[in-house]
Amino acid sequence: MNPSTLTERVNAVYARSNPTSWPDPHQDQEATAEEYSRVTNPEKFFIAVLRARAWVQVLASLPDIDAEPLEVELLGSHFNRGVRLTSRRADTLPLLLLERDLTDTGEAPMACVSMAEPDIEIERVPDCGCDACDFGSANLVKGLDETIVEALNGMILMLGANWHGTWTPEGGGVGGRPGHPEFDQVVTWGRQLSRGENVSFPEDVRVLVNSPWV
């Protein structure tokens, strides 16, 4: 099943949860300095959790994908619950969708996409709940969808001691402490690995290859 069809199914499931929606408050203006230290109505970001649940429901309905709740001891202190999705296709890695409720200190609800293990995070949505980083509900949903679709299409993760790199057929990224490899280098490594070529990495680099699910 292609990603567009999956997303259409997710849209239908998500709509039944009656999610909150709001426009981009920064569509025509820059964020103010005050917005960076202000969090208005963090509860609204629960839509990220609802969207992740819609993806779980749709993916788990496919004949070659299994879903199971994550063990509590694997969640750590950052998340309240999570689901492990596994594909029966060869050379695929588990996809984990984690949930955080609104915290006692007012941190916004959040959905996290991880690969193989909870600690190997690909994306947090929202990555920041402050007013300055709010670009509307549609942007939030789109960001989560794009991350999950990228994972389903195949992804290579390169994990160093102080950096992490990602390669997908559409691009990639790199981040971490100063001194991490350049973006172009990470993309080159990823492309070589996708072709089955041998790549020489520093000894502390861990490489995870997730083949396409769909």
Protein backbone atom coordinates (compact mmCIF):
# COMPACT_ATOMS: atom_id res chain seq x y z
CA MET A 1 0.00 0.00 0.00
CA ASN A 2 1.42 3.38 -0.95
CA PRO A 3 1.95 6.16 1.63
CA SER A 4 -0.78 8.37 0.14
CA THR A 5 -3.41 5.69 0.69
CA LEU A 6 -2.17 5.11 4.22
CA THR A 7 -2.35 8.83 4.98
CA GLU A 8 -5.92 8.98 3.68
CA ARG A 9 -6.87 6.18 6.05
CA VAL A 10 -5.10 7.95 8.90
CA ASN A 11 -7.03 11.14 8.09
CA ALA A 12 -10.31 9.25 8.44
CA VAL A 13 -9.38 7.65 11.76
CA TYR A 14 -7.97 10.92 13.09
CA ALA A 15 -11.12 12.86 12.17
CA ARG A 16 -13.21 10.51 14.32
CA SER A 17 -11.22 11.62 17.39
CA ASN A 18 -12.62 15.16 16.93
CA PRO A 19 -9.19 16.80 17.22
CA THR A 20 -8.59 20.43 18.03
CA SER A 21 -7.35 22.60 15.17
CA TRP A 22 -6.00 26.12 14.99
CA PRO A 23 -4.42 28.38 12.35
CA ASP A 24 -0.76 29.30 12.10
CA PRO A 25 -0.38 32.29 14.46
CA HIS A 26 2.82 33.28 12.65
CA GLN A 27 1.63 33.08 9.09
CA ASP A 28 2.00 36.82 8.55
CA GLN A 29 4.31 37.84 11.38
CA GLU A 30 7.50 36.89 13.16
CA ALA A 31 7.45 35.51 16.68
CA THR A 32 8.02 38.06 19.44
CA ALA A 33 10.66 37.68 22.15
CA GLU A 34 7.95 37.18 24.77
CA GLU A 35 6.54 34.17 22.91
CA TYR A 36 9.73 32.17 23.42
CA SER A 37 9.12 32.08 27.17
CA ARG A 38 5.34 31.64 27.01
CA VAL A 39 3.26 28.48 26.66
CA THR A 40 -0.43 29.10 25.97
CA ASN A 41 -2.84 26.17 26.24
CA PRO A 42 -0.30 23.32 26.04
CA GLU A 43 -3.20 20.84 26.15
CA LYS A 44 -3.90 21.50 22.48
CA PHE A 45 -0.76 19.61 21.49
CA PHE A 46 -2.49 16.39 22.48
CA ILE A 47 -3.46 16.24 18.81
CA ALA A 48 0.04 14.87 18.16
CA VAL A 49 -0.81 11.91 20.38
CA LEU A 50 -4.15 11.45 18.62
CA ARG A 51 -2.42 11.51 15.24
CA ALA A 52 0.13 8.92 16.36
CA ARG A 53 -2.69 6.70 17.61
CA ALA A 54 -4.41 6.99 14.23
CA TRP A 55 -1.22 5.81 12.53
CA VAL A 56 -0.97 2.88 14.95
CA GLN A 57 -4.54 1.84 14.20
CA VAL A 58 -4.08 2.01 10.44
CA LEU A 59 -0.69 0.30 10.35
CA ALA A 60 -1.79 -2.45 12.75
CA SER A 61 -4.69 -3.25 10.43
CA LEU A 62 -2.29 -4.27 7.65
CA PRO A 63 -1.70 -8.02 7.33
CA ASP A 64 2.12 -7.87 7.56
CA ILE A 65 2.42 -5.44 10.50
CA ASP A 66 2.03 -6.29 14.19
CA ALA A 67 1.49 -3.89 17.10
CA GLU A 68 2.05 -4.41 20.81
CA PRO A 69 2.21 -2.10 23.84
CA LEU A 70 5.69 -1.26 25.03
CA GLU A 71 6.79 -2.57 28.39
CA VAL A 72 6.57 0.12 31.07
CA GLU A 73 10.20 -0.33 32.08
CA LEU A 74 11.32 0.64 28.56
CA LEU A 75 9.55 3.99 28.60
CA GLY A 76 11.74 5.65 31.21
CA SER A 77 10.58 8.86 32.84
CA HIS A 78 9.88 10.79 29.64
CA PHE A 79 6.83 8.94 28.32
CA ASN A 80 3.56 7.56 29.64
CA ARG A 81 2.92 4.82 27.10
CA GLY A 82 3.99 3.54 23.71
CA VAL A 83 3.47 1.00 20.95
CA ARG A 84 5.98 -1.12 19.07
CA LEU A 85 5.12 -1.72 15.42
CA THR A 86 6.97 -4.48 13.56
CA SER A 87 6.85 -5.44 9.91
CA ARG A 88 7.21 -9.02 8.75
CA ARG A 89 9.16 -7.84 5.74
CA ALA A 90 12.83 -8.73 5.72
CA ASP A 91 15.45 -6.35 7.09
CA THR A 92 12.99 -3.95 8.72
CA LEU A 93 13.39 -2.47 12.19
CA PRO A 94 10.65 -1.87 14.77
CA LEU A 95 8.97 1.51 14.68
CA LEU A 96 8.04 2.88 18.10
CA LEU A 97 5.40 5.54 18.70
CA LEU A 98 5.63 6.98 22.20
CA GLU A 99 3.21 9.25 24.05
CA ARG A 100 3.65 11.87 26.75
CA ASP A 101 0.71 13.42 28.55
CA LEU A 102 0.61 16.98 29.83
CA THR A 103 3.11 17.01 32.69
CA ASP A 104 2.67 18.39 36.19
CA THR A 105 5.12 21.16 35.30
CA GLY A 106 3.09 22.21 32.25
CA GLU A 107 5.15 20.57 29.51
CA ALA A 108 2.98 19.96 26.46
CA PRO A 109 1.72 16.54 25.40
CA MET A 110 3.99 14.98 22.81
CA ALA A 111 4.33 12.12 20.36
CA CYS A 112 7.77 10.67 19.69
CA VAL A 113 8.83 8.50 16.77
CA SER A 114 11.72 6.14 17.53
CA MET A 115 13.40 3.36 15.60
CA ALA A 116 14.39 -0.02 17.07
CA GLU A 117 14.62 1.30 20.66
CA PRO A 118 12.84 4.07 22.58
CA ASP A 119 16.09 6.01 23.01
CA ILE A 120 16.76 6.15 19.27
CA GLU A 121 14.47 9.08 18.57
CA ILE A 122 13.79 10.27 15.04
CA GLU A 123 11.37 13.07 15.84
CA ARG A 124 9.43 14.65 18.69
CA VAL A 125 6.16 16.41 17.89
CA PRO A 126 6.00 19.12 19.01
CA ASP A 127 9.73 19.57 19.41
CA CYS A 128 8.95 22.68 21.47
CA GLY A 129 5.63 23.77 22.92
CA CYS A 130 6.36 27.46 23.33
CA ASP A 131 4.19 30.03 21.56
CA ALA A 132 7.04 31.13 19.30
CA CYS A 133 7.40 27.63 17.85
CA ASP A 134 3.68 27.17 17.21
CA PHE A 135 2.92 27.15 13.47
CA GLY A 136 -0.60 25.77 13.67
CA SER A 137 -2.19 22.36 13.94
CA ALA A 138 -1.83 21.47 10.25
CA ASN A 139 1.94 22.00 10.40
CA LEU A 140 2.15 19.80 13.50
CA VAL A 141 0.22 16.95 11.90
CA LYS A 142 2.20 17.25 8.66
CA GLY A 143 5.50 16.98 10.52
CA LEU A 144 4.47 13.76 12.25
CA ASP A 145 3.11 12.26 9.05
CA GLU A 146 6.27 13.04 7.11
CA THR A 147 8.48 11.43 9.74
CA ILE A 148 6.45 8.22 9.84
CA VAL A 149 6.27 8.01 6.04
CA GLU A 150 10.04 8.48 5.81
CA ALA A 151 10.53 5.59 8.23
CA LEU A 152 8.13 3.38 6.28
CA ASN A 153 9.92 4.16 3.01
CA GLY A 154 13.26 3.00 4.39
CA MET A 155 15.82 4.74 6.56
CA ILE A 156 19.45 4.39 7.60
CA LEU A 157 20.56 5.68 11.00
CA MET A 158 24.19 6.43 11.86
CA LEU A 159 24.72 6.89 15.59
CA GLY A 160 27.99 8.26 16.90
CA ALA A 161 28.97 8.98 20.50
CA ASN A 162 28.05 12.67 20.19
CA TRP A 163 26.12 12.84 16.92
CA HIS A 164 23.42 11.15 14.89
CA GLY A 165 22.82 11.05 11.17
CA THR A 166 19.84 9.98 9.09
CA TRP A 167 19.60 9.00 5.45
CA THR A 168 16.41 8.44 3.47
CA PRO A 169 15.84 8.15 -0.29
CA GLU A 170 14.60 11.77 -0.18
CA GLY A 171 17.42 13.26 1.88
CA GLY A 172 18.65 13.08 5.44
CA GLY A 173 20.05 15.06 8.31
CA VAL A 174 22.76 15.24 10.93
CA GLY A 175 22.99 16.77 14.38
CA GLY A 176 24.84 16.62 17.66
CA ARG A 177 27.76 18.30 19.31
CA PRO A 178 30.30 20.38 17.37
CA GLY A 179 32.63 18.21 15.35
CA HIS A 180 29.99 15.90 13.92
CA PRO A 181 30.32 14.84 10.27
CA GLU A 182 29.16 17.23 7.57
CA PHE A 183 25.73 16.72 6.05
CA ASP A 184 27.16 15.80 2.65
CA GLN A 185 29.32 13.14 4.25
CA VAL A 186 26.35 11.57 6.03
CA VAL A 187 24.32 11.53 2.82
CA THR A 188 27.23 9.90 0.97
CA TRP A 189 27.57 7.21 3.63
CA GLY A 190 23.84 6.56 3.58
CA ARG A 191 23.74 6.31 -0.20
CA GLN A 192 26.64 3.87 -0.20
CA LEU A 193 25.01 1.71 2.46
CA SER A 194 21.72 1.69 0.54
CA ARG A 195 23.61 0.22 -2.42
CA GLY A 196 25.12 -2.50 -0.27
CA GLU A 197 28.62 -1.02 -0.43
CA ASN A 198 31.14 -1.32 2.37
CA VAL A 199 31.64 1.87 4.37
CA SER A 200 34.42 2.51 6.88
CA PHE A 201 33.06 4.30 9.95
CA PRO A 202 34.84 5.32 13.15
CA GLU A 203 34.74 2.50 15.69
CA ASP A 204 32.12 4.16 17.90
CA VAL A 205 29.50 4.52 15.13
CA ARG A 206 26.46 2.28 15.23
CA VAL A 207 24.60 1.78 11.95
CA LEU A 208 20.96 0.71 11.72
CA VAL A 209 19.39 -0.10 8.35
CA ASN A 210 15.62 -0.15 8.08
CA SER A 211 14.36 -1.48 4.74
CA PRO A 212 11.06 -0.22 3.30
CA TRP A 213 7.85 -1.41 4.94
CA VAL A 214 5.54 -0.48 2.08
